Amino acid sequence: MTVREIAIAAGLAAFSAVVQLIHVGYQSPQFGMWIDIVAVSWIIAYFLFGWRMSLTVSVVGALVITLFAPDTWLGAGMKWVASAPMFIMPTAWLILQNKDHRYYKNYKNLIVPVVIALVIRCLLVLPLNYYYAIPIWTGMSPAKAMIVIPWYIIVLFNVIQGILDVGLAWVIVFKFRLDRYAPWKK
């Protein structure tokens, strides 16, 4: 990584940590689940620099969130697991299509990989929520959690979150012309 890339990665990771720490977003009063903008900077890193930079920004962002808000280690881990398909699947799609990141300048090219990423995301977060996160966070058994928080609520929140992450990142990178700083632009 160049010094410029390290500085951008640090800035994007810091942004994700700050919006987590001040909790920019919406929390469901019934279920306690958040729709936030924490992972938007992770996807911005993906659109600008690719999956390695996105991985770096997301891991550093999650670690910073864990260090500065120890009660959110569970949330940081769950956020990372849920958000990883949102940059891994588009990467795999680019490889399958034999394209580079400019391919995603047209938002229509994102539809199929994002839908697949959302399915993967939901397949990951459902069992992780019921058997890991909810029992640790609330003390509920998985069986009780499945009754209190129906699966479709978790899926709905994750679909909205995934679309928000990718959509907002796409607008920032391609509509607000942040892509002019991408290395593939030169």
N, C-alpha and C. Protein backbone atom coordinates (compact mmCIF):
# COMPACT_ATOMS: atom_id res chain seq x y z
N MET A 1 0.84 -1.19 0.00
CA MET A 1 0.00 0.00 0.00
C MET A 1 0.88 1.24 0.00
N THR A 2 0.46 2.24 -0.75
CA THR A 2 1.19 3.50 -0.77
C THR A 2 0.82 4.32 0.46
N VAL A 3 1.59 5.36 0.71
CA VAL A 3 1.30 6.25 1.84
C VAL A 3 -0.08 6.87 1.66
N ARG A 4 -0.40 7.24 0.44
CA ARG A 4 -1.72 7.82 0.15
C ARG A 4 -2.83 6.84 0.48
N GLU A 5 -2.67 5.59 0.09
CA GLU A 5 -3.68 4.56 0.36
C GLU A 5 -3.80 4.29 1.86
N ILE A 6 -2.69 4.28 2.56
CA ILE A 6 -2.73 4.08 4.02
C ILE A 6 -3.49 5.22 4.68
N ALA A 7 -3.23 6.45 4.24
CA ALA A 7 -3.92 7.61 4.81
C ALA A 7 -5.42 7.55 4.52
N ILE A 8 -5.79 7.18 3.31
CA ILE A 8 -7.21 7.06 2.97
C ILE A 8 -7.86 5.94 3.76
N ALA A 9 -7.18 4.81 3.89
CA ALA A 9 -7.71 3.69 4.67
C ALA A 9 -7.92 4.10 6.13
N ALA A 10 -6.95 4.81 6.69
CA ALA A 10 -7.07 5.27 8.07
C ALA A 10 -8.26 6.22 8.23
N GLY A 11 -8.43 7.13 7.28
CA GLY A 11 -9.54 8.07 7.33
C GLY A 11 -10.89 7.38 7.23
N LEU A 12 -11.00 6.42 6.32
CA LEU A 12 -12.25 5.69 6.16
C LEU A 12 -12.56 4.81 7.38
N ALA A 13 -11.53 4.18 7.93
CA ALA A 13 -11.74 3.37 9.14
C ALA A 13 -12.14 4.26 10.32
N ALA A 14 -11.49 5.41 10.43
CA ALA A 14 -11.84 6.35 11.51
C ALA A 14 -13.28 6.84 11.35
N PHE A 15 -13.69 7.11 10.11
CA PHE A 15 -15.07 7.54 9.88
C PHE A 15 -16.05 6.48 10.35
N SER A 16 -15.78 5.22 10.01
CA SER A 16 -16.70 4.15 10.42
C SER A 16 -16.77 4.04 11.94
N ALA A 17 -15.63 4.21 12.60
CA ALA A 17 -15.62 4.14 14.06
C ALA A 17 -16.37 5.32 14.68
N VAL A 18 -16.19 6.50 14.13
CA VAL A 18 -16.86 7.68 14.68
C VAL A 18 -18.38 7.57 14.55
N VAL A 19 -18.86 7.15 13.36
CA VAL A 19 -20.32 7.05 13.21
C VAL A 19 -20.90 5.92 14.05
N GLN A 20 -20.08 4.93 14.40
CA GLN A 20 -20.53 3.90 15.34
C GLN A 20 -20.56 4.45 16.76
N LEU A 21 -19.52 5.16 17.14
CA LEU A 21 -19.43 5.65 18.51
C LEU A 21 -20.49 6.70 18.82
N ILE A 22 -20.83 7.54 17.83
CA ILE A 22 -21.89 8.52 18.08
C ILE A 22 -23.24 7.98 17.60
N HIS A 23 -23.24 6.78 17.08
CA HIS A 23 -24.41 6.03 16.62
C HIS A 23 -25.31 6.84 15.68
N VAL A 24 -24.78 7.08 14.50
CA VAL A 24 -25.56 7.72 13.45
C VAL A 24 -26.40 6.62 12.80
N GLY A 25 -27.71 6.72 12.92
CA GLY A 25 -28.58 5.71 12.34
C GLY A 25 -29.90 5.64 13.07
N TYR A 26 -30.61 4.54 12.83
CA TYR A 26 -31.92 4.32 13.42
C TYR A 26 -31.90 3.00 14.18
N GLN A 27 -32.36 3.01 15.41
CA GLN A 27 -32.46 1.79 16.20
C GLN A 27 -33.94 1.44 16.40
N SER A 28 -34.26 0.21 16.09
CA SER A 28 -35.62 -0.27 16.29
C SER A 28 -35.90 -0.34 17.78
N PRO A 29 -36.94 0.36 18.25
CA PRO A 29 -37.24 0.31 19.69
C PRO A 29 -37.72 -1.07 20.15
N GLN A 30 -38.34 -1.84 19.24
CA GLN A 30 -38.86 -3.15 19.63
C GLN A 30 -37.77 -4.21 19.71
N PHE A 31 -36.84 -4.18 18.77
CA PHE A 31 -35.87 -5.28 18.65
C PHE A 31 -34.44 -4.87 18.96
N GLY A 32 -34.15 -3.58 19.04
CA GLY A 32 -32.81 -3.12 19.36
C GLY A 32 -31.83 -3.18 18.20
N MET A 33 -32.31 -3.55 17.02
CA MET A 33 -31.42 -3.65 15.85
C MET A 33 -31.22 -2.27 15.24
N TRP A 34 -30.01 -2.05 14.70
CA TRP A 34 -29.64 -0.76 14.13
C TRP A 34 -29.58 -0.82 12.60
N ILE A 35 -29.99 0.28 11.99
CA ILE A 35 -29.67 0.56 10.59
C ILE A 35 -28.79 1.80 10.66
N ASP A 36 -27.54 1.67 10.26
CA ASP A 36 -26.58 2.75 10.44
C ASP A 36 -25.71 2.91 9.19
N ILE A 37 -24.72 3.79 9.29
CA ILE A 37 -23.84 4.03 8.14
C ILE A 37 -22.40 3.61 8.43
N VAL A 38 -22.21 2.73 9.38
CA VAL A 38 -20.87 2.30 9.76
C VAL A 38 -20.12 1.66 8.58
N ALA A 39 -20.77 0.78 7.84
CA ALA A 39 -20.09 0.05 6.77
C ALA A 39 -20.05 0.80 5.45
N VAL A 40 -20.64 1.97 5.37
CA VAL A 40 -20.61 2.73 4.12
C VAL A 40 -19.17 3.03 3.72
N SER A 41 -18.35 3.44 4.67
CA SER A 41 -16.94 3.74 4.33
C SER A 41 -16.19 2.48 3.92
N TRP A 42 -16.61 1.32 4.41
CA TRP A 42 -15.97 0.07 4.00
C TRP A 42 -16.25 -0.20 2.53
N ILE A 43 -17.47 0.09 2.09
CA ILE A 43 -17.85 -0.13 0.70
C ILE A 43 -17.26 0.97 -0.19
N ILE A 44 -17.13 2.18 0.33
CA ILE A 44 -16.44 3.23 -0.41
C ILE A 44 -15.02 2.78 -0.71
N ALA A 45 -14.35 2.21 0.29
CA ALA A 45 -12.99 1.69 0.07
C ALA A 45 -12.98 0.63 -1.02
N TYR A 46 -14.01 -0.19 -1.05
CA TYR A 46 -14.11 -1.21 -2.10
C TYR A 46 -14.22 -0.58 -3.48
N PHE A 47 -15.17 0.35 -3.64
CA PHE A 47 -15.37 0.97 -4.94
C PHE A 47 -14.13 1.73 -5.42
N LEU A 48 -13.40 2.32 -4.50
CA LEU A 48 -12.22 3.10 -4.89
C LEU A 48 -10.98 2.24 -5.12
N PHE A 49 -10.75 1.27 -4.24
CA PHE A 49 -9.47 0.56 -4.25
C PHE A 49 -9.55 -0.95 -4.36
N GLY A 50 -10.73 -1.52 -4.22
CA GLY A 50 -10.85 -2.96 -4.33
C GLY A 50 -11.02 -3.66 -3.00
N TRP A 51 -11.10 -4.98 -3.08
CA TRP A 51 -11.44 -5.77 -1.89
C TRP A 51 -10.38 -5.74 -0.81
N ARG A 52 -9.09 -5.65 -1.18
CA ARG A 52 -8.04 -5.64 -0.14
C ARG A 52 -8.16 -4.40 0.73
N MET A 53 -8.39 -3.26 0.10
CA MET A 53 -8.54 -2.02 0.87
C MET A 53 -9.82 -2.07 1.70
N SER A 54 -10.88 -2.61 1.14
CA SER A 54 -12.12 -2.73 1.89
C SER A 54 -11.94 -3.65 3.10
N LEU A 55 -11.23 -4.74 2.90
CA LEU A 55 -10.94 -5.65 4.00
C LEU A 55 -10.13 -4.94 5.08
N THR A 56 -9.11 -4.19 4.67
CA THR A 56 -8.28 -3.45 5.62
C THR A 56 -9.11 -2.44 6.40
N VAL A 57 -9.88 -1.63 5.68
CA VAL A 57 -10.69 -0.59 6.33
C VAL A 57 -11.72 -1.22 7.26
N SER A 58 -12.35 -2.30 6.83
CA SER A 58 -13.39 -2.91 7.66
C SER A 58 -12.80 -3.55 8.92
N VAL A 59 -11.68 -4.23 8.79
CA VAL A 59 -11.06 -4.87 9.97
C VAL A 59 -10.56 -3.80 10.94
N VAL A 60 -9.87 -2.79 10.43
CA VAL A 60 -9.37 -1.72 11.31
C VAL A 60 -10.55 -0.98 11.95
N GLY A 61 -11.58 -0.68 11.16
CA GLY A 61 -12.76 0.00 11.71
C GLY A 61 -13.41 -0.82 12.82
N ALA A 62 -13.58 -2.12 12.58
CA ALA A 62 -14.19 -2.99 13.59
C ALA A 62 -13.32 -3.07 14.85
N LEU A 63 -12.00 -3.16 14.67
CA LEU A 63 -11.10 -3.20 15.83
C LEU A 63 -11.16 -1.90 16.64
N VAL A 64 -11.18 -0.78 15.95
CA VAL A 64 -11.25 0.51 16.66
C VAL A 64 -12.56 0.62 17.42
N ILE A 65 -13.65 0.19 16.80
CA ILE A 65 -14.95 0.20 17.48
C ILE A 65 -14.88 -0.65 18.74
N THR A 66 -14.26 -1.81 18.63
CA THR A 66 -14.13 -2.71 19.78
C THR A 66 -13.27 -2.10 20.88
N LEU A 67 -12.18 -1.44 20.50
CA LEU A 67 -11.27 -0.87 21.49
C LEU A 67 -11.86 0.33 22.22
N PHE A 68 -12.57 1.18 21.49
CA PHE A 68 -13.08 2.40 22.11
C PHE A 68 -14.47 2.26 22.71
N ALA A 69 -15.15 1.22 22.36
CA ALA A 69 -16.47 0.95 22.95
C ALA A 69 -16.55 -0.54 23.24
N PRO A 70 -15.90 -0.98 24.32
CA PRO A 70 -15.81 -2.41 24.60
C PRO A 70 -17.13 -3.15 24.66
N ASP A 71 -18.21 -2.44 24.98
CA ASP A 71 -19.50 -3.12 25.02
C ASP A 71 -20.02 -3.44 23.62
N THR A 72 -19.36 -2.93 22.59
CA THR A 72 -19.83 -3.19 21.23
C THR A 72 -18.95 -4.20 20.49
N TRP A 73 -18.15 -4.98 21.19
CA TRP A 73 -17.32 -5.98 20.50
C TRP A 73 -18.21 -6.95 19.73
N LEU A 74 -19.34 -7.28 20.33
CA LEU A 74 -20.27 -8.19 19.68
C LEU A 74 -20.87 -7.54 18.43
N GLY A 75 -21.27 -6.29 18.56
CA GLY A 75 -21.82 -5.56 17.42
C GLY A 75 -20.81 -5.36 16.32
N ALA A 76 -19.57 -5.06 16.68
CA ALA A 76 -18.52 -4.86 15.67
C ALA A 76 -18.26 -6.15 14.90
N GLY A 77 -18.22 -7.26 15.61
CA GLY A 77 -18.01 -8.55 14.94
C GLY A 77 -19.17 -8.93 14.04
N MET A 78 -20.38 -8.71 14.53
CA MET A 78 -21.56 -9.02 13.72
C MET A 78 -21.65 -8.09 12.51
N LYS A 79 -21.32 -6.81 12.70
CA LYS A 79 -21.34 -5.86 11.59
C LYS A 79 -20.35 -6.29 10.52
N TRP A 80 -19.17 -6.74 10.94
CA TRP A 80 -18.16 -7.15 9.97
C TRP A 80 -18.62 -8.40 9.20
N VAL A 81 -19.12 -9.39 9.91
CA VAL A 81 -19.58 -10.62 9.24
C VAL A 81 -20.72 -10.32 8.27
N ALA A 82 -21.64 -9.46 8.69
CA ALA A 82 -22.78 -9.13 7.83
C ALA A 82 -22.36 -8.30 6.62
N SER A 83 -21.37 -7.44 6.79
CA SER A 83 -20.97 -6.53 5.71
C SER A 83 -19.97 -7.13 4.74
N ALA A 84 -19.20 -8.12 5.16
CA ALA A 84 -18.18 -8.71 4.29
C ALA A 84 -18.73 -9.22 2.95
N PRO A 85 -19.90 -9.88 2.92
CA PRO A 85 -20.42 -10.31 1.61
C PRO A 85 -20.70 -9.14 0.66
N MET A 86 -20.90 -7.95 1.22
CA MET A 86 -21.24 -6.80 0.39
C MET A 86 -20.05 -6.29 -0.41
N PHE A 87 -18.82 -6.69 -0.04
CA PHE A 87 -17.68 -6.37 -0.90
C PHE A 87 -17.02 -7.62 -1.46
N ILE A 88 -17.22 -8.77 -0.84
CA ILE A 88 -16.65 -10.01 -1.37
C ILE A 88 -17.40 -10.48 -2.61
N MET A 89 -18.73 -10.44 -2.57
CA MET A 89 -19.51 -10.91 -3.72
C MET A 89 -19.32 -10.03 -4.95
N PRO A 90 -19.35 -8.70 -4.82
CA PRO A 90 -19.05 -7.89 -6.01
C PRO A 90 -17.65 -8.13 -6.57
N THR A 91 -16.70 -8.47 -5.71
CA THR A 91 -15.37 -8.82 -6.19
C THR A 91 -15.41 -10.10 -7.01
N ALA A 92 -16.08 -11.10 -6.48
CA ALA A 92 -16.21 -12.37 -7.21
C ALA A 92 -16.93 -12.15 -8.54
N TRP A 93 -17.93 -11.29 -8.53
CA TRP A 93 -18.69 -11.00 -9.75
C TRP A 93 -17.79 -10.33 -10.80
N LEU A 94 -16.94 -9.40 -10.36
CA LEU A 94 -16.01 -8.77 -11.30
C LEU A 94 -15.07 -9.80 -11.92
N ILE A 95 -14.61 -10.73 -11.11
CA ILE A 95 -13.71 -11.78 -11.61
C ILE A 95 -14.45 -12.64 -12.63
N LEU A 96 -15.70 -13.03 -12.32
CA LEU A 96 -16.49 -13.84 -13.24
C LEU A 96 -16.78 -13.11 -14.55
N GLN A 97 -16.99 -11.82 -14.45
CA GLN A 97 -17.31 -11.02 -15.64
C GLN A 97 -16.05 -10.54 -16.36
N ASN A 98 -14.89 -10.77 -15.75
CA ASN A 98 -13.61 -10.32 -16.30
C ASN A 98 -13.62 -8.80 -16.53
N LYS A 99 -14.05 -8.07 -15.49
CA LYS A 99 -14.17 -6.61 -15.55
C LYS A 99 -13.35 -5.98 -14.43
N ASP A 100 -13.18 -4.66 -14.52
CA ASP A 100 -12.54 -3.93 -13.42
C ASP A 100 -13.61 -3.07 -12.72
N HIS A 101 -13.16 -2.26 -11.76
CA HIS A 101 -14.11 -1.51 -10.93
C HIS A 101 -14.94 -0.49 -11.70
N ARG A 102 -14.47 -0.07 -12.86
CA ARG A 102 -15.26 0.86 -13.67
C ARG A 102 -16.61 0.24 -14.07
N TYR A 103 -16.67 -1.06 -14.08
CA TYR A 103 -17.89 -1.79 -14.42
C TYR A 103 -19.05 -1.36 -13.52
N TYR A 104 -18.75 -1.05 -12.27
CA TYR A 104 -19.79 -0.68 -11.32
C TYR A 104 -20.19 0.79 -11.39
N LYS A 105 -19.59 1.53 -12.29
CA LYS A 105 -20.01 2.91 -12.49
C LYS A 105 -21.48 2.95 -12.92
N ASN A 106 -21.89 1.92 -13.66
CA ASN A 106 -23.30 1.76 -14.02
C ASN A 106 -23.95 0.95 -12.90
N TYR A 107 -24.84 1.57 -12.15
CA TYR A 107 -25.44 0.92 -10.98
C TYR A 107 -26.18 -0.37 -11.35
N LYS A 108 -26.65 -0.48 -12.58
CA LYS A 108 -27.37 -1.69 -12.99
C LYS A 108 -26.47 -2.92 -12.93
N ASN A 109 -25.17 -2.72 -13.10
CA ASN A 109 -24.23 -3.84 -13.02
C ASN A 109 -24.06 -4.35 -11.59
N LEU A 110 -24.54 -3.60 -10.63
CA LEU A 110 -24.44 -4.01 -9.22
C LEU A 110 -25.62 -4.86 -8.77
N ILE A 111 -26.70 -4.86 -9.52
CA ILE A 111 -27.94 -5.49 -9.05
C ILE A 111 -27.74 -6.97 -8.73
N VAL A 112 -27.23 -7.75 -9.67
CA VAL A 112 -27.09 -9.19 -9.45
C VAL A 112 -26.10 -9.50 -8.32
N PRO A 113 -24.89 -8.93 -8.32
CA PRO A 113 -23.99 -9.26 -7.20
C PRO A 113 -24.50 -8.79 -5.84
N VAL A 114 -25.22 -7.68 -5.80
CA VAL A 114 -25.74 -7.21 -4.52
C VAL A 114 -26.87 -8.11 -4.04
N VAL A 115 -27.73 -8.55 -4.94
CA VAL A 115 -28.80 -9.48 -4.54
C VAL A 115 -28.19 -10.78 -4.00
N ILE A 116 -27.19 -11.31 -4.68
CA ILE A 116 -26.51 -12.52 -4.20
C ILE A 116 -25.85 -12.26 -2.84
N ALA A 117 -25.21 -11.10 -2.71
CA ALA A 117 -24.56 -10.74 -1.43
C ALA A 117 -25.58 -10.63 -0.31
N LEU A 118 -26.76 -10.09 -0.62
CA LEU A 118 -27.81 -9.98 0.40
C LEU A 118 -28.31 -11.35 0.84
N VAL A 119 -28.43 -12.28 -0.10
CA VAL A 119 -28.84 -13.64 0.26
C VAL A 119 -27.79 -14.28 1.16
N ILE A 120 -26.52 -14.14 0.78
CA ILE A 120 -25.42 -14.69 1.60
C ILE A 120 -25.42 -14.03 2.98
N ARG A 121 -25.58 -12.72 3.00
CA ARG A 121 -25.61 -11.98 4.27
C ARG A 121 -26.70 -12.53 5.18
N CYS A 122 -27.90 -12.71 4.65
CA CYS A 122 -29.01 -13.21 5.46
C CYS A 122 -28.78 -14.64 5.92
N LEU A 123 -28.19 -15.47 5.05
CA LEU A 123 -27.88 -16.85 5.45
C LEU A 123 -26.84 -16.90 6.56
N LEU A 124 -25.98 -15.90 6.62
CA LEU A 124 -24.98 -15.83 7.70
C LEU A 124 -25.58 -15.28 8.99
N VAL A 125 -26.33 -14.18 8.87
CA VAL A 125 -26.75 -13.49 10.10
C VAL A 125 -27.90 -14.17 10.83
N LEU A 126 -28.73 -14.91 10.14
CA LEU A 126 -29.82 -15.59 10.85
C LEU A 126 -29.31 -16.55 11.91
N PRO A 127 -28.49 -17.55 11.56
CA PRO A 127 -28.01 -18.44 12.63
C PRO A 127 -27.08 -17.73 13.62
N LEU A 128 -26.27 -16.79 13.13
CA LEU A 128 -25.39 -16.07 14.05
C LEU A 128 -26.18 -15.25 15.07
N ASN A 129 -27.25 -14.64 14.65
CA ASN A 129 -28.08 -13.89 15.59
C ASN A 129 -28.76 -14.81 16.59
N TYR A 130 -29.39 -15.86 16.10
CA TYR A 130 -30.16 -16.74 16.99
C TYR A 130 -29.30 -17.58 17.94
N TYR A 131 -28.15 -18.01 17.48
CA TYR A 131 -27.34 -18.93 18.29
C TYR A 131 -26.11 -18.29 18.92
N TYR A 132 -25.84 -17.03 18.59
CA TYR A 132 -24.64 -16.40 19.10
C TYR A 132 -24.94 -15.01 19.69
N ALA A 133 -25.32 -14.07 18.84
CA ALA A 133 -25.44 -12.68 19.28
C ALA A 133 -26.58 -12.44 20.26
N ILE A 134 -27.77 -12.88 19.93
CA ILE A 134 -28.93 -12.61 20.80
C ILE A 134 -28.77 -13.31 22.16
N PRO A 135 -28.33 -14.58 22.20
CA PRO A 135 -28.12 -15.18 23.53
C PRO A 135 -27.06 -14.45 24.37
N ILE A 136 -25.98 -13.99 23.74
CA ILE A 136 -24.96 -13.26 24.50
C ILE A 136 -25.49 -11.91 24.94
N TRP A 137 -26.13 -11.18 24.03
CA TRP A 137 -26.56 -9.81 24.30
C TRP A 137 -27.73 -9.74 25.27
N THR A 138 -28.70 -10.66 25.10
CA THR A 138 -29.92 -10.56 25.90
C THR A 138 -30.07 -11.66 26.94
N GLY A 139 -29.33 -12.75 26.77
CA GLY A 139 -29.48 -13.89 27.67
C GLY A 139 -30.63 -14.81 27.27
N MET A 140 -31.31 -14.50 26.17
CA MET A 140 -32.41 -15.35 25.69
C MET A 140 -31.86 -16.63 25.09
N SER A 141 -32.61 -17.68 25.22
CA SER A 141 -32.25 -18.93 24.54
C SER A 141 -32.56 -18.75 23.05
N PRO A 142 -31.90 -19.53 22.18
CA PRO A 142 -32.21 -19.45 20.75
C PRO A 142 -33.69 -19.67 20.45
N ALA A 143 -34.32 -20.62 21.14
CA ALA A 143 -35.74 -20.90 20.90
C ALA A 143 -36.60 -19.68 21.24
N LYS A 144 -36.32 -19.06 22.37
CA LYS A 144 -37.10 -17.87 22.75
C LYS A 144 -36.81 -16.71 21.81
N ALA A 145 -35.55 -16.58 21.39
CA ALA A 145 -35.18 -15.50 20.47
C ALA A 145 -35.94 -15.63 19.15
N MET A 146 -36.12 -16.86 18.68
CA MET A 146 -36.85 -17.08 17.43
C MET A 146 -38.31 -16.69 17.55
N ILE A 147 -38.85 -16.75 18.75
CA ILE A 147 -40.25 -16.35 18.97
C ILE A 147 -40.35 -14.83 19.11
N VAL A 148 -39.45 -14.26 19.90
CA VAL A 148 -39.49 -12.83 20.19
C VAL A 148 -39.09 -11.99 18.97
N ILE A 149 -38.07 -12.43 18.25
CA ILE A 149 -37.58 -11.71 17.07
C ILE A 149 -37.72 -12.63 15.87
N PRO A 150 -38.81 -12.50 15.12
CA PRO A 150 -39.02 -13.39 13.96
C PRO A 150 -37.91 -13.23 12.92
N TRP A 151 -37.66 -14.31 12.19
CA TRP A 151 -36.57 -14.32 11.21
C TRP A 151 -36.73 -13.22 10.16
N TYR A 152 -37.95 -12.92 9.78
CA TYR A 152 -38.15 -11.92 8.72
C TYR A 152 -37.77 -10.51 9.17
N ILE A 153 -37.80 -10.24 10.47
CA ILE A 153 -37.35 -8.93 10.98
C ILE A 153 -35.84 -8.81 10.80
N ILE A 154 -35.11 -9.86 11.14
CA ILE A 154 -33.66 -9.86 10.97
C ILE A 154 -33.31 -9.74 9.49
N VAL A 155 -34.01 -10.47 8.65
CA VAL A 155 -33.76 -10.40 7.20
C VAL A 155 -34.07 -9.00 6.68
N LEU A 156 -35.22 -8.44 7.07
CA LEU A 156 -35.60 -7.11 6.60
C LEU A 156 -34.55 -6.06 6.98
N PHE A 157 -34.14 -6.07 8.24
CA PHE A 157 -33.13 -5.10 8.68
C PHE A 157 -31.83 -5.29 7.91
N ASN A 158 -31.42 -6.52 7.66
CA ASN A 158 -30.17 -6.76 6.96
C ASN A 158 -30.25 -6.42 5.47
N VAL A 159 -31.41 -6.63 4.86
CA VAL A 159 -31.57 -6.24 3.46
C VAL A 159 -31.54 -4.72 3.33
N ILE A 160 -32.27 -4.04 4.20
CA ILE A 160 -32.25 -2.57 4.18
C ILE A 160 -30.83 -2.07 4.43
N GLN A 161 -30.15 -2.65 5.42
CA GLN A 161 -28.80 -2.22 5.75
C GLN A 161 -27.84 -2.45 4.58
N GLY A 162 -27.91 -3.61 3.96
CA GLY A 162 -27.02 -3.91 2.84
C GLY A 162 -27.24 -2.99 1.66
N ILE A 163 -28.51 -2.73 1.34
CA ILE A 163 -28.82 -1.82 0.23
C ILE A 163 -28.37 -0.40 0.56
N LEU A 164 -28.57 0.03 1.81
CA LEU A 164 -28.12 1.35 2.23
C LEU A 164 -26.60 1.46 2.12
N ASP A 165 -25.88 0.46 2.61
CA ASP A 165 -24.41 0.48 2.56
C ASP A 165 -23.90 0.63 1.14
N VAL A 166 -24.37 -0.23 0.26
CA VAL A 166 -23.88 -0.22 -1.12
C VAL A 166 -24.41 1.01 -1.87
N GLY A 167 -25.69 1.31 -1.70
CA GLY A 167 -26.28 2.43 -2.41
C GLY A 167 -25.66 3.77 -2.05
N LEU A 168 -25.52 4.03 -0.76
CA LEU A 168 -24.93 5.29 -0.33
C LEU A 168 -23.46 5.38 -0.74
N ALA A 169 -22.72 4.28 -0.61
CA ALA A 169 -21.32 4.28 -1.04
C ALA A 169 -21.22 4.54 -2.54
N TRP A 170 -22.11 3.92 -3.32
CA TRP A 170 -22.10 4.12 -4.77
C TRP A 170 -22.36 5.58 -5.13
N VAL A 171 -23.34 6.18 -4.47
CA VAL A 171 -23.66 7.60 -4.73
C VAL A 171 -22.46 8.48 -4.39
N ILE A 172 -21.85 8.24 -3.25
CA ILE A 172 -20.71 9.06 -2.83
C ILE A 172 -19.54 8.90 -3.80
N VAL A 173 -19.26 7.68 -4.22
CA VAL A 173 -18.10 7.44 -5.08
C VAL A 173 -18.37 7.89 -6.52
N PHE A 174 -19.51 7.51 -7.08
CA PHE A 174 -19.72 7.73 -8.50
C PHE A 174 -20.54 8.98 -8.84
N LYS A 175 -21.45 9.39 -8.01
CA LYS A 175 -22.23 10.60 -8.29
C LYS A 175 -21.54 11.86 -7.77
N PHE A 176 -20.88 11.74 -6.62
CA PHE A 176 -20.15 12.89 -6.08
C PHE A 176 -18.70 12.90 -6.56
N ARG A 177 -18.39 12.01 -7.49
CA ARG A 177 -17.11 11.98 -8.21
C ARG A 177 -15.90 11.71 -7.32
N LEU A 178 -16.09 10.99 -6.26
CA LEU A 178 -14.96 10.58 -5.44
C LEU A 178 -14.07 9.59 -6.20
N ASP A 179 -14.62 8.98 -7.24
CA ASP A 179 -13.85 8.02 -8.03
C ASP A 179 -12.67 8.66 -8.77
N ARG A 180 -12.65 9.97 -8.86
CA ARG A 180 -11.49 10.62 -9.51
C ARG A 180 -10.19 10.39 -8.74
N TYR A 181 -10.30 9.95 -7.48
CA TYR A 181 -9.13 9.66 -6.67
C TYR A 181 -8.74 8.18 -6.68
N ALA A 182 -9.51 7.38 -7.40
CA ALA A 182 -9.23 5.95 -7.45
C ALA A 182 -8.02 5.68 -8.34
N PRO A 183 -7.20 4.71 -7.97
CA PRO A 183 -6.01 4.41 -8.77
C PRO A 183 -6.35 3.91 -10.17
N TRP A 184 -7.50 3.27 -10.34
CA TRP A 184 -7.89 2.77 -11.65
C TRP A 184 -8.33 3.88 -12.58
N LYS A 185 -8.52 5.08 -12.06
CA LYS A 185 -8.96 6.23 -12.86
C LYS A 185 -7.80 6.81 -13.67
N LYS A 186 -6.60 6.62 -13.20
CA LYS A 186 -5.43 7.21 -13.86
C LYS A 186 -5.02 6.47 -15.10
